[in-house]
Amino acid sequence: MENTQDFWQKRWIDNKTGWDIGYAAPPITEFIDTLPDKNIKILIPGAGNAYEAEYLHKNGFGNVYVMDIAAKPLENLSKRVPDFPGDHLLNENFFEHSGQYDLIIEQTFFIAIDPALRHNYVLKMKQLLKPSGHLTGLLIFKDEPSPGGPPYIDTKENYRNYFEGKFNILKYEISENSIKPRAGWEIFIDMVKQI
């Protein structure tokens, strides 16, 4: 089962991590560079090697939490960034987590989970965000849903349907600065939860 700790830990140990680009995604770092308050509480769920968390940390954001169901990528981050706070590395199931965040960064997590859990993902995001909290990041899409997975890639229209009515969608547009292999296939999202 792809939503288990054992499944994802094995993917990391076997180096079957095709989603990992080896650095923070440019659309997300560009967004981070616009954030004025470095004290906001940030969560990156399903973070993998968490290059975005590393970027945030090195740019003075001290309240960043990284979550992954597999322990291996969290160990990788800890080795790469030894001064990243150990108690901010959360080896947990996202759907069982509790907390309140100003910002949650989406980066390949949504397409990693079984589509049957996507409604739960949206509701959990709403629960974890503070009243004015943002869900921001990237969704990879295709013109037609891809069979099987993970990754479970769908159309930009189908993705939007999950969020409409639950989030105020501030930005939902094809990213202009994606890496070459994903150019034209990433949506940059910025949403605020509806109260």
Protein backbone atom coordinates (compact mmCIF):
# COMPACT_ATOMS: atom_id res chain seq x y z
CA MET A 1 0.00 0.00 0.00
CA GLU A 2 1.52 3.28 -1.15
CA ASN A 3 0.33 5.30 1.84
CA THR A 4 2.30 3.27 4.36
CA GLN A 5 5.54 4.13 6.07
CA ASP A 6 7.19 0.94 4.81
CA PHE A 7 6.31 1.66 1.18
CA TRP A 8 7.82 5.17 1.20
CA GLN A 9 10.83 4.21 3.31
CA LYS A 10 11.65 1.48 0.77
CA ARG A 11 11.32 3.96 -2.12
CA TRP A 12 13.89 6.21 -0.42
CA ILE A 13 16.26 3.38 0.46
CA ASP A 14 16.04 1.97 -3.10
CA ASN A 15 16.57 5.49 -4.51
CA LYS A 16 13.29 5.35 -6.46
CA THR A 17 12.71 9.07 -6.07
CA GLY A 18 12.11 10.45 -9.54
CA TRP A 19 10.24 13.45 -8.09
CA ASP A 20 13.40 14.65 -6.30
CA ILE A 21 15.08 17.37 -8.39
CA GLY A 22 18.01 17.85 -5.99
CA TYR A 23 17.30 21.48 -5.02
CA ALA A 24 14.42 23.77 -4.11
CA ALA A 25 11.93 24.38 -6.92
CA PRO A 26 12.40 27.89 -8.39
CA PRO A 27 8.69 28.86 -8.26
CA ILE A 28 8.68 28.13 -4.54
CA THR A 29 11.98 29.89 -3.76
CA GLU A 30 10.77 32.92 -5.70
CA PHE A 31 7.61 32.93 -3.56
CA ILE A 32 9.65 32.50 -0.36
CA ASP A 33 11.71 35.55 -1.33
CA THR A 34 8.52 37.66 -1.17
CA LEU A 35 7.63 36.66 2.40
CA PRO A 36 8.21 39.62 4.75
CA ASP A 37 7.74 37.84 8.10
CA LYS A 38 10.42 35.27 8.93
CA ASN A 39 8.63 34.25 12.14
CA ILE A 40 5.60 32.66 10.48
CA LYS A 41 4.98 29.01 11.27
CA ILE A 42 5.44 26.87 8.14
CA LEU A 43 4.73 23.20 7.46
CA ILE A 44 6.01 21.20 4.49
CA PRO A 45 4.17 17.84 4.47
CA GLY A 46 5.37 14.88 2.43
CA ALA A 47 8.54 16.93 2.18
CA GLY A 48 11.02 14.29 1.05
CA ASN A 49 14.53 15.75 1.09
CA ALA A 50 12.93 19.12 1.86
CA TYR A 51 15.16 21.41 -0.17
CA GLU A 52 12.53 24.13 0.31
CA ALA A 53 12.90 23.78 4.09
CA GLU A 54 16.66 24.05 3.70
CA TYR A 55 16.19 27.21 1.62
CA LEU A 56 13.85 28.69 4.23
CA HIS A 57 16.23 27.81 7.06
CA LYS A 58 19.24 29.35 5.32
CA ASN A 59 17.21 32.49 4.68
CA GLY A 60 16.39 33.06 8.34
CA PHE A 61 13.00 31.37 8.73
CA GLY A 62 13.21 29.71 12.13
CA ASN A 63 9.73 28.26 12.51
CA VAL A 64 9.73 25.66 9.73
CA TYR A 65 8.41 22.12 10.25
CA VAL A 66 9.15 19.27 7.88
CA MET A 67 6.97 16.18 7.74
CA ASP A 68 7.38 12.87 5.98
CA ILE A 69 5.94 9.42 6.63
CA ALA A 70 9.39 7.96 5.81
CA ALA A 71 12.32 8.57 8.15
CA LYS A 72 15.06 8.41 5.49
CA PRO A 73 14.50 11.81 3.84
CA LEU A 74 14.34 13.48 7.26
CA GLU A 75 17.69 11.89 8.09
CA ASN A 76 19.03 13.22 4.77
CA LEU A 77 17.94 16.76 5.64
CA SER A 78 19.45 16.50 9.10
CA LYS A 79 22.80 15.45 7.59
CA ARG A 80 22.73 18.22 4.98
CA VAL A 81 21.65 20.91 7.44
CA PRO A 82 22.96 19.85 10.87
CA ASP A 83 21.64 22.98 12.60
CA PHE A 84 18.05 22.39 11.44
CA PRO A 85 16.06 21.85 14.67
CA GLY A 86 15.57 18.15 15.29
CA ASP A 87 12.19 18.71 16.94
CA HIS A 88 10.98 20.31 13.69
CA LEU A 89 11.50 17.05 11.79
CA LEU A 90 8.20 15.18 11.99
CA ASN A 91 8.20 11.50 11.03
CA GLU A 92 4.41 11.31 10.93
CA ASN A 93 1.35 10.54 8.89
CA PHE A 94 -0.01 13.88 7.66
CA PHE A 95 -3.61 12.80 8.23
CA GLU A 96 -2.91 12.19 11.93
CA HIS A 97 -1.03 15.44 12.56
CA SER A 98 -2.34 18.29 14.67
CA GLY A 99 -1.06 21.86 14.75
CA GLN A 100 -1.73 25.34 13.42
CA TYR A 101 0.29 26.95 10.64
CA ASP A 102 0.44 30.28 8.83
CA LEU A 103 1.69 28.65 5.63
CA ILE A 104 1.72 25.11 4.27
CA ILE A 105 3.92 24.47 1.24
CA GLU A 106 2.76 21.88 -1.31
CA GLN A 107 5.50 20.24 -3.34
CA THR A 108 4.76 16.81 -4.91
CA PHE A 109 2.77 15.64 -1.86
CA PHE A 110 -0.71 15.95 -3.39
CA ILE A 111 0.21 13.71 -6.35
CA ALA A 112 1.89 11.15 -4.07
CA ILE A 113 -1.25 10.24 -2.15
CA ASP A 114 -4.02 8.00 -3.43
CA PRO A 115 -6.69 10.14 -5.17
CA ALA A 116 -9.25 8.58 -2.82
CA LEU A 117 -7.63 10.64 -0.06
CA ARG A 118 -7.68 14.00 -1.85
CA HIS A 119 -10.88 15.24 -0.23
CA ASN A 120 -9.36 14.31 3.15
CA TYR A 121 -6.18 16.18 2.14
CA VAL A 122 -8.15 19.37 1.48
CA LEU A 123 -10.07 19.09 4.76
CA LYS A 124 -6.88 18.38 6.70
CA MET A 125 -5.16 21.39 5.12
CA LYS A 126 -8.05 23.57 6.23
CA GLN A 127 -7.82 22.14 9.74
CA LEU A 128 -4.06 22.76 10.00
CA LEU A 129 -4.12 26.32 8.68
CA LYS A 130 -4.76 29.34 10.86
CA PRO A 131 -7.78 31.49 9.84
CA SER A 132 -5.74 33.54 7.35
CA GLY A 133 -3.36 30.70 6.52
CA HIS A 134 -2.11 30.02 3.01
CA LEU A 135 -1.65 26.78 1.09
CA THR A 136 0.98 27.57 -1.52
CA GLY A 137 3.13 25.56 -3.90
CA LEU A 138 3.07 23.47 -7.03
CA LEU A 139 0.79 20.85 -8.57
CA ILE A 140 1.99 18.80 -11.53
CA PHE A 141 -0.75 18.17 -14.09
CA LYS A 142 -1.33 16.50 -17.45
CA ASP A 143 -3.96 16.94 -20.15
CA GLU A 144 -5.35 13.52 -19.22
CA PRO A 145 -5.18 11.70 -15.86
CA SER A 146 -2.26 9.28 -15.73
CA PRO A 147 -3.15 5.65 -15.02
CA GLY A 148 -1.87 4.19 -11.79
CA GLY A 149 0.66 5.76 -9.51
CA PRO A 150 2.23 7.12 -7.50
CA PRO A 151 2.51 9.74 -8.81
CA TYR A 152 -1.20 10.19 -9.42
CA ILE A 153 -1.23 13.02 -11.94
CA ASP A 154 -4.53 14.53 -13.04
CA THR A 155 -5.80 17.53 -15.00
CA LYS A 156 -5.65 21.10 -13.71
CA GLU A 157 -9.46 21.29 -13.89
CA ASN A 158 -9.90 18.18 -11.75
CA TYR A 159 -7.42 19.47 -9.17
CA ARG A 160 -9.23 22.80 -8.91
CA ASN A 161 -12.53 21.07 -8.14
CA TYR A 162 -11.09 19.72 -4.88
CA PHE A 163 -10.27 23.20 -3.58
CA GLU A 164 -13.17 25.33 -4.83
CA GLY A 165 -15.62 26.19 -2.08
CA LYS A 166 -13.11 25.33 0.63
CA PHE A 167 -10.30 27.78 -0.22
CA ASN A 168 -10.23 31.27 -1.67
CA ILE A 169 -8.03 30.71 -4.71
CA LEU A 170 -5.72 33.70 -5.09
CA LYS A 171 -3.43 32.13 -7.72
CA TYR A 172 -3.95 29.06 -9.84
CA GLU A 173 -1.81 29.48 -12.92
CA ILE A 174 0.76 27.66 -14.99
CA SER A 175 4.14 28.37 -13.45
CA GLU A 176 6.42 30.55 -15.55
CA ASN A 177 9.70 29.44 -13.98
CA SER A 178 9.41 25.67 -13.63
CA ILE A 179 12.43 23.46 -14.22
CA LYS A 180 12.72 22.41 -17.89
CA PRO A 181 11.30 18.86 -17.55
CA ARG A 182 8.19 20.28 -15.85
CA ALA A 183 7.80 23.46 -17.91
CA GLY A 184 4.15 23.94 -18.85
CA TRP A 185 3.05 21.12 -16.52
CA GLU A 186 3.13 22.83 -13.13
CA ILE A 187 0.42 24.98 -11.60
CA PHE A 188 1.49 27.53 -9.02
CA ILE A 189 -1.15 27.73 -6.31
CA ASP A 190 -1.75 30.24 -3.54
CA MET A 191 -4.94 29.74 -1.57
CA VAL A 192 -6.39 30.97 1.71
CA LYS A 193 -8.74 28.73 3.62
CA GLN A 194 -12.36 29.77 3.72
CA ILE A 195 -13.76 30.21 7.21
